Amino acid sequence: MAQKSSLPHAPPTLSVKGRDVRLRTIGIVVLAAIVVWFIAANTESVGIQLWIPTVTLPLWAVLTVTLLVGMVIGGLLAHRRAKR
C-alpha cells in the first residue's frame, strides 16, 4: 500500500547563496530586467492619436504607462480570481 505524505506540495526552488529562491521569483526578476531594458532602449518621440487630439510623447513614457495599466488590470483580475 502506498503511503500519502503529509507534506504539501512545495513550489520549485533554487538555492542562491544559501537561500532558497522560488523559480517564479527568478522569472519575475528576469522579466522585469528585460522590460526595463526594452523601455530604456526606446527613447524616440512618437505621435499618438487620442480620439481627437494627437499628442507627441517619448516612446519610453508610452511603454511605461502601458506597462502600469497592464499591471493594474492583471492585479485586479488576479484579485477577483482569488476571491472565488
PDB file of N, CA and C in Angstrom:
ATOM      1  N   MET A   1       0.818  -1.167   0.000  1.00  0.00           N
ATOM      2  CA  MET A   1       0.000   0.000   0.000  1.00  0.00           C
ATOM      3  C   MET A   1       0.869   1.241   0.000  1.00  0.00           C
ATOM      4  N   ALA A   2       0.500   2.210  -0.786  1.00  0.00           N
ATOM      5  CA  ALA A   2       1.258   3.451  -0.848  1.00  0.00           C
ATOM      6  C   ALA A   2       0.829   4.374   0.279  1.00  0.00           C
ATOM      7  N   GLN A   3       1.811   5.006   0.879  1.00  0.00           N
ATOM      8  CA  GLN A   3       1.513   5.947   1.955  1.00  0.00           C
ATOM      9  C   GLN A   3       1.487   7.368   1.394  1.00  0.00           C
ATOM     10  N   LYS A   4       0.532   8.132   1.864  1.00  0.00           N
ATOM     11  CA  LYS A   4       0.452   9.532   1.457  1.00  0.00           C
ATOM     12  C   LYS A   4       1.353  10.357   2.368  1.00  0.00           C
ATOM     13  N   SER A   5       2.086  11.270   1.767  1.00  0.00           N
ATOM     14  CA  SER A   5       2.932  12.127   2.584  1.00  0.00           C
ATOM     15  C   SER A   5       2.075  13.257   3.150  1.00  0.00           C
ATOM     16  N   SER A   6       2.400  13.686   4.339  1.00  0.00           N
ATOM     17  CA  SER A   6       1.634  14.755   4.971  1.00  0.00           C
ATOM     18  C   SER A   6       2.134  16.138   4.558  1.00  0.00           C
ATOM     19  N   LEU A   7       3.252  16.189   3.803  1.00  0.00           N
ATOM     20  CA  LEU A   7       3.795  17.470   3.381  1.00  0.00           C
ATOM     21  C   LEU A   7       3.049  17.979   2.153  1.00  0.00           C
ATOM     22  N   PRO A   8       2.651  19.233   2.169  1.00  0.00           N
ATOM     23  CA  PRO A   8       2.001  19.789   0.982  1.00  0.00           C
ATOM     24  C   PRO A   8       3.026  19.976  -0.136  1.00  0.00           C
ATOM     25  N   HIS A   9       2.535  20.083  -1.340  1.00  0.00           N
ATOM     26  CA  HIS A   9       3.417  20.279  -2.481  1.00  0.00           C
ATOM     27  C   HIS A   9       4.093  21.639  -2.377  1.00  0.00           C
ATOM     28  N   ALA A  10       5.399  21.646  -2.361  1.00  0.00           N
ATOM     29  CA  ALA A  10       6.148  22.897  -2.246  1.00  0.00           C
ATOM     30  C   ALA A  10       6.494  23.421  -3.636  1.00  0.00           C
ATOM     31  N   PRO A  11       6.525  24.739  -3.825  1.00  0.00           N
ATOM     32  CA  PRO A  11       6.889  25.295  -5.127  1.00  0.00           C
ATOM     33  C   PRO A  11       8.357  25.006  -5.435  1.00  0.00           C
ATOM     34  N   PRO A  12       8.709  24.903  -6.722  1.00  0.00           N
ATOM     35  CA  PRO A  12      10.101  24.634  -7.079  1.00  0.00           C
ATOM     36  C   PRO A  12      11.007  25.800  -6.678  1.00  0.00           C
ATOM     37  N   THR A  13      12.163  25.463  -6.111  1.00  0.00           N
ATOM     38  CA  THR A  13      13.096  26.485  -5.655  1.00  0.00           C
ATOM     39  C   THR A  13      14.506  26.154  -6.123  1.00  0.00           C
ATOM     40  N   LEU A  14      15.355  27.154  -6.115  1.00  0.00           N
ATOM     41  CA  LEU A  14      16.788  27.015  -6.331  1.00  0.00           C
ATOM     42  C   LEU A  14      17.498  27.618  -5.139  1.00  0.00           C
ATOM     43  N   SER A  15      18.676  27.124  -4.842  1.00  0.00           N
ATOM     44  CA  SER A  15      19.452  27.671  -3.749  1.00  0.00           C
ATOM     45  C   SER A  15      20.429  28.696  -4.316  1.00  0.00           C
ATOM     46  N   VAL A  16      20.290  29.952  -3.880  1.00  0.00           N
ATOM     47  CA  VAL A  16      21.162  31.032  -4.325  1.00  0.00           C
ATOM     48  C   VAL A  16      21.838  31.619  -3.096  1.00  0.00           C
ATOM     49  N   LYS A  17      23.153  31.475  -3.027  1.00  0.00           N
ATOM     50  CA  LYS A  17      23.935  31.961  -1.890  1.00  0.00           C
ATOM     51  C   LYS A  17      23.373  31.450  -0.563  1.00  0.00           C
ATOM     52  N   GLY A  18      22.978  30.206  -0.532  1.00  0.00           N
ATOM     53  CA  GLY A  18      22.487  29.589   0.694  1.00  0.00           C
ATOM     54  C   GLY A  18      21.031  29.840   1.013  1.00  0.00           C
ATOM     55  N   ARG A  19      20.334  30.598   0.161  1.00  0.00           N
ATOM     56  CA  ARG A  19      18.913  30.876   0.395  1.00  0.00           C
ATOM     57  C   ARG A  19      18.090  30.201  -0.683  1.00  0.00           C
ATOM     58  N   ASP A  20      16.949  29.677  -0.312  1.00  0.00           N
ATOM     59  CA  ASP A  20      16.036  29.099  -1.293  1.00  0.00           C
ATOM     60  C   ASP A  20      15.236  30.205  -1.953  1.00  0.00           C
ATOM     61  N   VAL A  21      15.276  30.238  -3.287  1.00  0.00           N
ATOM     62  CA  VAL A  21      14.557  31.242  -4.052  1.00  0.00           C
ATOM     63  C   VAL A  21      13.628  30.511  -5.008  1.00  0.00           C
ATOM     64  N   ARG A  22      12.358  30.923  -5.030  1.00  0.00           N
ATOM     65  CA  ARG A  22      11.389  30.282  -5.907  1.00  0.00           C
ATOM     66  C   ARG A  22      11.707  30.591  -7.359  1.00  0.00           C
ATOM     67  N   LEU A  23      11.479  29.637  -8.230  1.00  0.00           N
ATOM     68  CA  LEU A  23      11.695  29.838  -9.660  1.00  0.00           C
ATOM     69  C   LEU A  23      10.797  30.954 -10.188  1.00  0.00           C
ATOM     70  N   ARG A  24       9.619  31.079  -9.629  1.00  0.00           N
ATOM     71  CA  ARG A  24       8.700  32.138 -10.038  1.00  0.00           C
ATOM     72  C   ARG A  24       9.313  33.516  -9.773  1.00  0.00           C
ATOM     73  N   THR A  25       9.976  33.673  -8.641  1.00  0.00           N
ATOM     74  CA  THR A  25      10.626  34.933  -8.302  1.00  0.00           C
ATOM     75  C   THR A  25      11.755  35.238  -9.274  1.00  0.00           C
ATOM     76  N   ILE A  26      12.549  34.235  -9.609  1.00  0.00           N
ATOM     77  CA  ILE A  26      13.643  34.425 -10.568  1.00  0.00           C
ATOM     78  C   ILE A  26      13.079  34.826 -11.927  1.00  0.00           C
ATOM     79  N   GLY A  27      12.005  34.195 -12.354  1.00  0.00           N
ATOM     80  CA  GLY A  27      11.375  34.532 -13.627  1.00  0.00           C
ATOM     81  C   GLY A  27      10.860  35.958 -13.652  1.00  0.00           C
ATOM     82  N   ILE A  28      10.255  36.405 -12.555  1.00  0.00           N
ATOM     83  CA  ILE A  28       9.737  37.772 -12.470  1.00  0.00           C
ATOM     84  C   ILE A  28      10.879  38.778 -12.522  1.00  0.00           C
ATOM     85  N   VAL A  29      11.985  38.498 -11.851  1.00  0.00           N
ATOM     86  CA  VAL A  29      13.133  39.404 -11.865  1.00  0.00           C
ATOM     87  C   VAL A  29      13.737  39.494 -13.264  1.00  0.00           C
ATOM     88  N   VAL A  30      13.868  38.358 -13.942  1.00  0.00           N
ATOM     89  CA  VAL A  30      14.406  38.355 -15.310  1.00  0.00           C
ATOM     90  C   VAL A  30      13.475  39.116 -16.248  1.00  0.00           C
ATOM     91  N   LEU A  31      12.177  38.880 -16.149  1.00  0.00           N
ATOM     92  CA  LEU A  31      11.212  39.577 -16.992  1.00  0.00           C
ATOM     93  C   LEU A  31      11.227  41.081 -16.723  1.00  0.00           C
ATOM     94  N   ALA A  32      11.324  41.480 -15.460  1.00  0.00           N
ATOM     95  CA  ALA A  32      11.383  42.905 -15.117  1.00  0.00           C
ATOM     96  C   ALA A  32      12.638  43.550 -15.701  1.00  0.00           C
ATOM     97  N   ALA A  33      13.766  42.851 -15.673  1.00  0.00           N
ATOM     98  CA  ALA A  33      15.001  43.395 -16.246  1.00  0.00           C
ATOM     99  C   ALA A  33      14.864  43.580 -17.756  1.00  0.00           C
ATOM    100  N   ILE A  34      14.235  42.630 -18.433  1.00  0.00           N
ATOM    101  CA  ILE A  34      14.024  42.741 -19.877  1.00  0.00           C
ATOM    102  C   ILE A  34      13.103  43.917 -20.186  1.00  0.00           C
ATOM    103  N   VAL A  35      12.053  44.086 -19.402  1.00  0.00           N
ATOM    104  CA  VAL A  35      11.108  45.187 -19.617  1.00  0.00           C
ATOM    105  C   VAL A  35      11.800  46.529 -19.419  1.00  0.00           C
ATOM    106  N   VAL A  36      12.596  46.666 -18.361  1.00  0.00           N
ATOM    107  CA  VAL A  36      13.305  47.925 -18.105  1.00  0.00           C
ATOM    108  C   VAL A  36      14.273  48.206 -19.249  1.00  0.00           C
ATOM    109  N   TRP A  37      14.995  47.199 -19.707  1.00  0.00           N
ATOM    110  CA  TRP A  37      15.925  47.381 -20.827  1.00  0.00           C
ATOM    111  C   TRP A  37      15.174  47.812 -22.084  1.00  0.00           C
ATOM    112  N   PHE A  38      14.040  47.174 -22.374  1.00  0.00           N
ATOM    113  CA  PHE A  38      13.258  47.493 -23.571  1.00  0.00           C
ATOM    114  C   PHE A  38      12.748  48.929 -23.524  1.00  0.00           C
ATOM    115  N   ILE A  39      12.251  49.354 -22.371  1.00  0.00           N
ATOM    116  CA  ILE A  39      11.747  50.720 -22.232  1.00  0.00           C
ATOM    117  C   ILE A  39      12.896  51.721 -22.357  1.00  0.00           C
ATOM    118  N   ALA A  40      14.032  51.431 -21.746  1.00  0.00           N
ATOM    119  CA  ALA A  40      15.173  52.345 -21.805  1.00  0.00           C
ATOM    120  C   ALA A  40      15.756  52.448 -23.213  1.00  0.00           C
ATOM    121  N   ALA A  41      15.627  51.397 -24.015  1.00  0.00           N
ATOM    122  CA  ALA A  41      16.186  51.400 -25.366  1.00  0.00           C
ATOM    123  C   ALA A  41      15.319  52.175 -26.346  1.00  0.00           C
ATOM    124  N   ASN A  42      14.073  52.447 -26.009  1.00  0.00           N
ATOM    125  CA  ASN A  42      13.157  53.135 -26.916  1.00  0.00           C
ATOM    126  C   ASN A  42      12.897  54.544 -26.395  1.00  0.00           C
ATOM    127  N   THR A  43      13.693  55.497 -26.879  1.00  0.00           N
ATOM    128  CA  THR A  43      13.610  56.855 -26.362  1.00  0.00           C
ATOM    129  C   THR A  43      13.092  57.868 -27.381  1.00  0.00           C
ATOM    130  N   GLU A  44      12.817  57.439 -28.587  1.00  0.00           N
ATOM    131  CA  GLU A  44      12.346  58.367 -29.614  1.00  0.00           C
ATOM    132  C   GLU A  44      10.943  58.864 -29.292  1.00  0.00           C
ATOM    133  N   SER A  45      10.568  59.995 -29.884  1.00  0.00           N
ATOM    134  CA  SER A  45       9.220  60.527 -29.701  1.00  0.00           C
ATOM    135  C   SER A  45       8.275  59.924 -30.729  1.00  0.00           C
ATOM    136  N   VAL A  46       7.036  59.700 -30.318  1.00  0.00           N
ATOM    137  CA  VAL A  46       6.023  59.139 -31.211  1.00  0.00           C
ATOM    138  C   VAL A  46       4.742  59.959 -31.086  1.00  0.00           C
ATOM    139  N   GLY A  47       3.975  59.990 -32.163  1.00  0.00           N
ATOM    140  CA  GLY A  47       2.677  60.649 -32.135  1.00  0.00           C
ATOM    141  C   GLY A  47       1.592  59.637 -31.825  1.00  0.00           C
ATOM    142  N   ILE A  48       0.704  59.987 -30.911  1.00  0.00           N
ATOM    143  CA  ILE A  48      -0.370  59.084 -30.504  1.00  0.00           C
ATOM    144  C   ILE A  48      -1.700  59.800 -30.711  1.00  0.00           C
ATOM    145  N   GLN A  49      -2.601  59.135 -31.400  1.00  0.00           N
ATOM    146  CA  GLN A  49      -3.929  59.690 -31.663  1.00  0.00           C
ATOM    147  C   GLN A  49      -4.846  59.340 -30.500  1.00  0.00           C
ATOM    148  N   LEU A  50      -5.292  60.365 -29.774  1.00  0.00           N
ATOM    149  CA  LEU A  50      -6.256  60.200 -28.695  1.00  0.00           C
ATOM    150  C   LEU A  50      -7.575  60.778 -29.180  1.00  0.00           C
ATOM    151  N   TRP A  51      -8.506  59.951 -29.563  1.00  0.00           N
ATOM    152  CA  TRP A  51      -9.792  60.318 -30.160  1.00  0.00           C
ATOM    153  C   TRP A  51      -9.695  61.546 -31.058  1.00  0.00           C
ATOM    154  N   ILE A  52      -9.529  62.733 -30.505  1.00  0.00           N
ATOM    155  CA  ILE A  52      -9.463  63.942 -31.340  1.00  0.00           C
ATOM    156  C   ILE A  52      -8.035  64.487 -31.421  1.00  0.00           C
ATOM    157  N   PRO A  53      -7.371  64.781 -30.288  1.00  0.00           N
ATOM    158  CA  PRO A  53      -6.032  65.359 -30.416  1.00  0.00           C
ATOM    159  C   PRO A  53      -4.960  64.294 -30.693  1.00  0.00           C
ATOM    160  N   THR A  54      -3.888  64.737 -31.294  1.00  0.00           N
ATOM    161  CA  THR A  54      -2.701  63.898 -31.464  1.00  0.00           C
ATOM    162  C   THR A  54      -1.621  64.481 -30.563  1.00  0.00           C
ATOM    163  N   VAL A  55      -1.069  63.653 -29.701  1.00  0.00           N
ATOM    164  CA  VAL A  55      -0.023  64.112 -28.786  1.00  0.00           C
ATOM    165  C   VAL A  55       1.293  63.454 -29.163  1.00  0.00           C
ATOM    166  N   THR A  56       2.370  64.140 -28.904  1.00  0.00           N
ATOM    167  CA  THR A  56       3.705  63.602 -29.150  1.00  0.00           C
ATOM    168  C   THR A  56       4.372  63.379 -27.803  1.00  0.00           C
ATOM    169  N   LEU A  57       4.762  62.140 -27.577  1.00  0.00           N
ATOM    170  CA  LEU A  57       5.383  61.753 -26.307  1.00  0.00           C
ATOM    171  C   LEU A  57       6.605  60.888 -26.588  1.00  0.00           C
ATOM    172  N   PRO A  58       7.545  60.841 -25.636  1.00  0.00           N
ATOM    173  CA  PRO A  58       8.640  59.878 -25.777  1.00  0.00           C
ATOM    174  C   PRO A  58       8.077  58.452 -25.683  1.00  0.00           C
ATOM    175  N   LEU A  59       8.618  57.559 -26.486  1.00  0.00           N
ATOM    176  CA  LEU A  59       8.107  56.184 -26.500  1.00  0.00           C
ATOM    177  C   LEU A  59       8.275  55.507 -25.146  1.00  0.00           C
ATOM    178  N   TRP A  60       9.331  55.860 -24.391  1.00  0.00           N
ATOM    179  CA  TRP A  60       9.508  55.234 -23.084  1.00  0.00           C
ATOM    180  C   TRP A  60       8.342  55.570 -22.147  1.00  0.00           C
ATOM    181  N   ALA A  61       7.788  56.776 -22.268  1.00  0.00           N
ATOM    182  CA  ALA A  61       6.650  57.156 -21.422  1.00  0.00           C
ATOM    183  C   ALA A  61       5.412  56.355 -21.805  1.00  0.00           C
ATOM    184  N   VAL A  62       5.204  56.183 -23.109  1.00  0.00           N
ATOM    185  CA  VAL A  62       4.052  55.404 -23.578  1.00  0.00           C
ATOM    186  C   VAL A  62       4.171  53.955 -23.109  1.00  0.00           C
ATOM    187  N   LEU A  63       5.362  53.376 -23.236  1.00  0.00           N
ATOM    188  CA  LEU A  63       5.565  51.988 -22.804  1.00  0.00           C
ATOM    189  C   LEU A  63       5.397  51.843 -21.297  1.00  0.00           C
ATOM    190  N   THR A  64       5.861  52.822 -20.538  1.00  0.00           N
ATOM    191  CA  THR A  64       5.718  52.766 -19.082  1.00  0.00           C
ATOM    192  C   THR A  64       4.251  52.827 -18.667  1.00  0.00           C
ATOM    193  N   VAL A  65       3.495  53.738 -19.280  1.00  0.00           N
ATOM    194  CA  VAL A  65       2.062  53.830 -18.970  1.00  0.00           C
ATOM    195  C   VAL A  65       1.350  52.540 -19.354  1.00  0.00           C
ATOM    196  N   THR A  66       1.695  51.989 -20.516  1.00  0.00           N
ATOM    197  CA  THR A  66       1.089  50.726 -20.953  1.00  0.00           C
ATOM    198  C   THR A  66       1.410  49.599 -19.968  1.00  0.00           C
ATOM    199  N   LEU A  67       2.648  49.539 -19.504  1.00  0.00           N
ATOM    200  CA  LEU A  67       3.048  48.528 -18.522  1.00  0.00           C
ATOM    201  C   LEU A  67       2.264  48.682 -17.226  1.00  0.00           C
ATOM    202  N   LEU A  68       2.144  49.909 -16.731  1.00  0.00           N
ATOM    203  CA  LEU A  68       1.423  50.141 -15.477  1.00  0.00           C
ATOM    204  C   LEU A  68      -0.062  49.796 -15.599  1.00  0.00           C
ATOM    205  N   VAL A  69      -0.679  50.165 -16.719  1.00  0.00           N
ATOM    206  CA  VAL A  69      -2.094  49.824 -16.924  1.00  0.00           C
ATOM    207  C   VAL A  69      -2.256  48.302 -16.986  1.00  0.00           C
ATOM    208  N   GLY A  70      -1.352  47.631 -17.671  1.00  0.00           N
ATOM    209  CA  GLY A  70      -1.406  46.166 -17.733  1.00  0.00           C
ATOM    210  C   GLY A  70      -1.238  45.517 -16.369  1.00  0.00           C
ATOM    211  N   MET A  71      -0.341  46.082 -15.546  1.00  0.00           N
ATOM    212  CA  MET A  71      -0.154  45.538 -14.203  1.00  0.00           C
ATOM    213  C   MET A  71      -1.390  45.730 -13.339  1.00  0.00           C
ATOM    214  N   VAL A  72      -2.043  46.891 -13.465  1.00  0.00           N
ATOM    215  CA  VAL A  72      -3.262  47.151 -12.688  1.00  0.00           C
ATOM    216  C   VAL A  72      -4.372  46.187 -13.115  1.00  0.00           C
ATOM    217  N   ILE A  73      -4.562  46.011 -14.416  1.00  0.00           N
ATOM    218  CA  ILE A  73      -5.595  45.096 -14.904  1.00  0.00           C
ATOM    219  C   ILE A  73      -5.284  43.667 -14.469  1.00  0.00           C
ATOM    220  N   GLY A  74      -4.031  43.252 -14.583  1.00  0.00           N
ATOM    221  CA  GLY A  74      -3.642  41.911 -14.135  1.00  0.00           C
ATOM    222  C   GLY A  74      -3.854  41.715 -12.646  1.00  0.00           C
ATOM    223  N   GLY A  75      -3.530  42.744 -11.857  1.00  0.00           N
ATOM    224  CA  GLY A  75      -3.744  42.657 -10.413  1.00  0.00           C
ATOM    225  C   GLY A  75      -5.215  42.556 -10.054  1.00  0.00           C
ATOM    226  N   LEU A  76      -6.049  43.336 -10.754  1.00  0.00           N
ATOM    227  CA  LEU A  76      -7.487  43.258 -10.499  1.00  0.00           C
ATOM    228  C   LEU A  76      -8.052  41.887 -10.871  1.00  0.00           C
ATOM    229  N   LEU A  77      -7.609  41.349 -11.994  1.00  0.00           N
ATOM    230  CA  LEU A  77      -8.087  40.025 -12.397  1.00  0.00           C
ATOM    231  C   LEU A  77      -7.609  38.937 -11.436  1.00  0.00           C
ATOM    232  N   ALA A  78      -6.362  39.036 -10.975  1.00  0.00           N
ATOM    233  CA  ALA A  78      -5.857  38.063 -10.025  1.00  0.00           C
ATOM    234  C   ALA A  78      -6.589  38.159  -8.696  1.00  0.00           C
ATOM    235  N   HIS A  79      -6.889  39.384  -8.268  1.00  0.00           N
ATOM    236  CA  HIS A  79      -7.627  39.576  -7.011  1.00  0.00           C
ATOM    237  C   HIS A  79      -9.043  38.996  -7.132  1.00  0.00           C
ATOM    238  N   ARG A  80      -9.662  39.233  -8.278  1.00  0.00           N
ATOM    239  CA  ARG A  80     -11.011  38.699  -8.498  1.00  0.00           C
ATOM    240  C   ARG A  80     -11.004  37.171  -8.515  1.00  0.00           C
ATOM    241  N   ARG A  81      -9.985  36.586  -9.157  1.00  0.00           N
ATOM    242  CA  ARG A  81      -9.902  35.129  -9.236  1.00  0.00           C
ATOM    243  C   ARG A  81      -9.630  34.535  -7.855  1.00  0.00           C
ATOM    244  N   ALA A  82      -8.836  35.238  -7.025  1.00  0.00           N
ATOM    245  CA  ALA A  82      -8.528  34.735  -5.689  1.00  0.00           C
ATOM    246  C   ALA A  82      -9.755  34.733  -4.791  1.00  0.00           C
ATOM    247  N   LYS A  83     -10.704  35.639  -5.042  1.00  0.00           N
ATOM    248  CA  LYS A  83     -11.923  35.703  -4.231  1.00  0.00           C
ATOM    249  C   LYS A  83     -12.812  34.487  -4.454  1.00  0.00           C
ATOM    250  N   ARG A  84     -12.752  33.909  -5.639  1.00  0.00           N
ATOM    251  CA  ARG A  84     -13.613  32.752  -5.940  1.00  0.00           C
ATOM    252  C   ARG A  84     -13.268  31.608  -5.100  1.00  0.00           C
TER     253      ARG A  84
END
